[in-house]
C-alpha atoms as a PDB file:
ATOM      1  CA  MET A   1      23.512  22.631   3.438  1.00  0.00           C
ATOM      2  CA  GLY A   2      20.443  24.915   2.947  1.00  0.00           C
ATOM      3  CA  MET A   3      16.896  24.241   4.051  1.00  0.00           C
ATOM      4  CA  MET A   4      15.585  23.650   0.056  1.00  0.00           C
ATOM      5  CA  SER A   5      18.130  21.578  -0.762  1.00  0.00           C
ATOM      6  CA  GLU A   6      18.152  19.640   2.584  1.00  0.00           C
ATOM      7  CA  PHE A   7      13.872  19.654   2.404  1.00  0.00           C
ATOM      8  CA  LYS A   8      14.781  17.941  -1.791  1.00  0.00           C
ATOM      9  CA  GLU A   9      17.581  15.675  -0.083  1.00  0.00           C
ATOM     10  CA  PHE A  10      14.267  14.692   1.829  1.00  0.00           C
ATOM     11  CA  ALA A  11      11.101  14.628  -0.023  1.00  0.00           C
ATOM     12  CA  VAL A  12      13.235  12.830  -2.389  1.00  0.00           C
ATOM     13  CA  LYS A  13      14.076   9.442  -0.074  1.00  0.00           C
ATOM     14  CA  GLY A  14      12.609   6.915  -1.356  1.00  0.00           C
ATOM     15  CA  ASN A  15      10.562   5.847   2.340  1.00  0.00           C
ATOM     16  CA  VAL A  16       8.929   9.368   2.279  1.00  0.00           C
ATOM     17  CA  VAL A  17       7.408   8.265  -1.794  1.00  0.00           C
ATOM     18  CA  ASP A  18       6.724   4.764  -0.560  1.00  0.00           C
ATOM     19  CA  MET A  19       4.581   6.388   2.564  1.00  0.00           C
ATOM     20  CA  ALA A  20       3.400   8.617   0.082  1.00  0.00           C
ATOM     21  CA  VAL A  21       2.078   5.789  -2.452  1.00  0.00           C
ATOM     22  CA  GLY A  22       1.126   3.579   1.035  1.00  0.00           C
ATOM     23  CA  ILE A  23      -1.908   6.641   2.289  1.00  0.00           C
ATOM     24  CA  ILE A  24      -3.591   7.026  -1.681  1.00  0.00           C
ATOM     25  CA  ILE A  25      -3.752   3.121  -1.628  1.00  0.00           C
ATOM     26  CA  GLY A  26      -5.121   2.665   1.434  1.00  0.00           C
ATOM     27  CA  ALA A  27      -6.940   5.542   0.647  1.00  0.00           C
ATOM     28  CA  ALA A  28      -8.186   3.887  -1.872  1.00  0.00           C
ATOM     29  CA  PHE A  29      -8.470   0.884  -0.370  1.00  0.00           C
ATOM     30  CA  GLY A  30     -10.849   2.301   1.858  1.00  0.00           C
ATOM     31  CA  LYS A  31     -12.889   3.046  -0.168  1.00  0.00           C
ATOM     32  CA  ILE A  32     -13.939  -0.371  -1.512  1.00  0.00           C
ATOM     33  CA  VAL A  33     -14.369  -2.034   2.212  1.00  0.00           C
ATOM     34  CA  SER A  34     -16.524   0.878   3.168  1.00  0.00           C
ATOM     35  CA  THR A  35     -18.405   0.135  -0.065  1.00  0.00           C
ATOM     36  CA  LEU A  36     -18.430  -3.284   0.390  1.00  0.00           C
ATOM     37  CA  VAL A  37     -19.365  -3.648   4.004  1.00  0.00           C
ATOM     38  CA  ASP A  38     -22.219  -0.876   3.385  1.00  0.00           C
ATOM     39  CA  GLY A  39     -23.379  -2.774  -0.099  1.00  0.00           C
ATOM     40  CA  VAL A  40     -23.002  -6.069   0.780  1.00  0.00           C
ATOM     41  CA  ILE A  41     -21.999  -6.876   4.579  1.00  0.00           C
ATOM     42  CA  MET A  42     -24.625  -4.405   5.862  1.00  0.00           C
ATOM     43  CA  PRO A  43     -27.287  -5.312   4.230  1.00  0.00           C
ATOM     44  CA  PRO A  44     -28.063  -8.968   5.902  1.00  0.00           C
ATOM     45  CA  ILE A  45     -26.759  -7.895   9.124  1.00  0.00           C
ATOM     46  CA  GLY A  46     -29.111  -5.371   9.318  1.00  0.00           C
ATOM     47  CA  VAL A  47     -32.222  -7.817   7.739  1.00  0.00           C
ATOM     48  CA  ALA A  48     -31.187 -10.772  10.612  1.00  0.00           C
ATOM     49  CA  LEU A  49     -31.252  -7.957  13.415  1.00  0.00           C
ATOM     50  CA  GLY A  50     -34.560  -7.348  12.574  1.00  0.00           C
ATOM     51  CA  GLY A  51     -34.210  -4.737   9.555  1.00  0.00           C
ATOM     52  CA  VAL A  52     -31.438  -2.791  12.462  1.00  0.00           C
ATOM     53  CA  ASP A  53     -29.718  -0.128   9.600  1.00  0.00           C
ATOM     54  CA  PHE A  54     -26.969   1.121  12.279  1.00  0.00           C
ATOM     55  CA  SER A  55     -26.225   3.949   9.813  1.00  0.00           C
ATOM     56  CA  ASP A  56     -30.176   5.412  11.750  1.00  0.00           C
ATOM     57  CA  LEU A  57     -29.112   4.617  15.361  1.00  0.00           C
ATOM     58  CA  ALA A  58     -29.003   7.652  17.122  1.00  0.00           C
ATOM     59  CA  PHE A  59     -30.164   8.678  20.433  1.00  0.00           C
ATOM     60  CA  THR A  60     -31.609  12.100  20.990  1.00  0.00           C
ATOM     61  CA  VAL A  61     -31.080  14.357  24.043  1.00  0.00           C
ATOM     62  CA  LYS A  62     -32.300  17.474  23.312  1.00  0.00           C
ATOM     63  CA  GLU A  63     -35.793  17.794  20.903  1.00  0.00           C
ATOM     64  CA  ALA A  64     -35.768  20.275  18.190  1.00  0.00           C
ATOM     65  CA  VAL A  65     -37.497  23.654  18.530  1.00  0.00           C
ATOM     66  CA  GLY A  66     -38.242  26.043  16.386  1.00  0.00           C
ATOM     67  CA  GLU A  67     -35.220  26.246  14.248  1.00  0.00           C
ATOM     68  CA  ALA A  68     -33.204  24.731  16.265  1.00  0.00           C
ATOM     69  CA  PRO A  69     -31.607  21.461  15.116  1.00  0.00           C
ATOM     70  CA  ALA A  70     -32.130  18.328  17.212  1.00  0.00           C
ATOM     71  CA  VAL A  71     -28.851  17.180  19.121  1.00  0.00           C
ATOM     72  CA  VAL A  72     -28.511  14.052  18.858  1.00  0.00           C
ATOM     73  CA  ILE A  73     -25.912  11.164  19.799  1.00  0.00           C
ATOM     74  CA  SER A  74     -25.229   9.030  16.113  1.00  0.00           C
ATOM     75  CA  TYR A  75     -24.444   5.556  17.912  1.00  0.00           C
ATOM     76  CA  GLY A  76     -25.114   3.864  14.540  1.00  0.00           C
ATOM     77  CA  ALA A  77     -22.621   6.393  12.411  1.00  0.00           C
ATOM     78  CA  PHE A  78     -20.340   4.416  15.624  1.00  0.00           C
ATOM     79  CA  ILE A  79     -21.209   0.893  15.780  1.00  0.00           C
ATOM     80  CA  GLN A  80     -20.356   0.862  11.253  1.00  0.00           C
ATOM     81  CA  THR A  81     -17.218   2.697  11.207  1.00  0.00           C
ATOM     82  CA  VAL A  82     -15.865   0.062  14.014  1.00  0.00           C
ATOM     83  CA  ILE A  83     -17.330  -1.996  11.721  1.00  0.00           C
ATOM     84  CA  ASP A  84     -15.167  -0.828   8.851  1.00  0.00           C
ATOM     85  CA  PHE A  85     -12.468  -0.275  10.760  1.00  0.00           C
ATOM     86  CA  THR A  86     -12.814  -3.804  11.333  1.00  0.00           C
ATOM     87  CA  ILE A  87     -12.690  -5.269   8.204  1.00  0.00           C
ATOM     88  CA  ILE A  88     -10.576  -2.857   7.140  1.00  0.00           C
ATOM     89  CA  ALA A  89      -8.489  -4.479  10.008  1.00  0.00           C
ATOM     90  CA  PHE A  90      -8.748  -7.870   8.874  1.00  0.00           C
ATOM     91  CA  ALA A  91      -7.960  -7.010   4.335  1.00  0.00           C
ATOM     92  CA  ILE A  92      -4.725  -5.371   5.559  1.00  0.00           C
ATOM     93  CA  PHE A  93      -3.524  -8.047   7.609  1.00  0.00           C
ATOM     94  CA  MET A  94      -4.672 -10.667   5.289  1.00  0.00           C
ATOM     95  CA  VAL A  95      -2.624  -9.009   2.463  1.00  0.00           C
ATOM     96  CA  ILE A  96       0.334  -8.586   4.675  1.00  0.00           C
ATOM     97  CA  LYS A  97       0.443 -11.947   5.880  1.00  0.00           C
ATOM     98  CA  PHE A  98       0.190 -13.099   1.965  1.00  0.00           C
ATOM     99  CA  MET A  99       3.156 -10.835   1.323  1.00  0.00           C
ATOM    100  CA  ASN A 100       5.546 -11.918   4.230  1.00  0.00           C
ATOM    101  CA  SER A 101       4.707 -15.458   2.675  1.00  0.00           C
ATOM    102  CA  LEU A 102       6.214 -14.502  -0.941  1.00  0.00           C
ATOM    103  CA  LYS A 103       8.828 -13.464   0.862  1.00  0.00           C
ATOM    104  CA  LYS A 104      10.083 -15.622   3.081  1.00  0.00           C
ATOM    105  CA  GLU A 105       9.525 -18.264  -0.601  1.00  0.00           C
ATOM    106  CA  GLU A 106      11.768 -15.227  -1.861  1.00  0.00           C
ATOM    107  CA  GLU A 107      14.742 -16.211   0.965  1.00  0.00           C
ATOM    108  CA  ALA A 108      14.579 -19.073   1.693  1.00  0.00           C
ATOM    109  CA  PRO A 109      16.749 -20.920  -0.861  1.00  0.00           C
ATOM    110  CA  ALA A 110      16.516 -24.309  -2.351  1.00  0.00           C
ATOM    111  CA  THR A 111      20.350 -25.725  -1.805  1.00  0.00           C
ATOM    112  CA  PRO A 112      23.191 -24.604  -0.351  1.00  0.00           C
ATOM    113  CA  PRO A 113      25.213 -22.336  -2.609  1.00  0.00           C
ATOM    114  CA  GLU A 114      28.538 -24.436  -4.264  1.00  0.00           C
ATOM    115  CA  PRO A 115      31.910 -22.919  -2.030  1.00  0.00           C
ATOM    116  CA  SER A 116      34.069 -21.453  -3.451  1.00  0.00           C
ATOM    117  CA  LYS A 117      37.659 -22.216  -4.249  1.00  0.00           C
ATOM    118  CA  GLU A 118      38.881 -20.251  -1.884  1.00  0.00           C
ATOM    119  CA  GLU A 119      37.054 -21.547   0.311  1.00  0.00           C
ATOM    120  CA  VAL A 120      37.612 -25.495  -0.688  1.00  0.00           C
ATOM    121  CA  LEU A 121      41.635 -24.188  -0.651  1.00  0.00           C
ATOM    122  CA  LEU A 122      41.250 -23.487   2.908  1.00  0.00           C
ATOM    123  CA  THR A 123      39.335 -26.482   4.154  1.00  0.00           C
ATOM    124  CA  GLU A 124      41.654 -28.425   2.963  1.00  0.00           C
ATOM    125  CA  ILE A 125      44.871 -26.893   4.144  1.00  0.00           C
ATOM    126  CA  ARG A 126      42.617 -27.039   7.690  1.00  0.00           C
ATOM    127  CA  ASP A 127      42.390 -30.653   7.423  1.00  0.00           C
ATOM    128  CA  LEU A 128      45.862 -31.503   6.317  1.00  0.00           C
ATOM    129  CA  LEU A 129      47.129 -29.640   8.755  1.00  0.00           C
ATOM    130  CA  LYS A 130      45.026 -31.168  11.183  1.00  0.00           C
ATOM    131  CA  ASP A 131      46.422 -34.160  10.504  1.00  0.00           C
ATOM    132  CA  ARG A 132      50.471 -33.106  10.813  1.00  0.00           C
ATOM    133  CA  ALA A 133      49.029 -32.458  14.322  1.00  0.00           C
END
């Protein structure tokens, strides 16, 4: 099998396509949640903490000298990213939990299936042989 045909077989497998779709949807979902966090959740938290804007929190290691920029550790951006991640992870957890509950409902049959004619016949034969013994 040539390398191109092997690659084609790999690329068109359902798992690869599903993964690509998942990554694209995940990126879009991440943008939605980031906007939610930045525009809706963080402003009230900032007000509750006395007007602190997490994205502006930083520690200056070395002040700017001449044209050299200041050396800054932006720990506020890190805090913001951790909060974004936590909210995204929780939202994905809730979506997966919901999907799993739907899946369980689909898998659970309402009533047990009726035995086939062969099963009924074999059960009758078994019972007759049991009565003979």
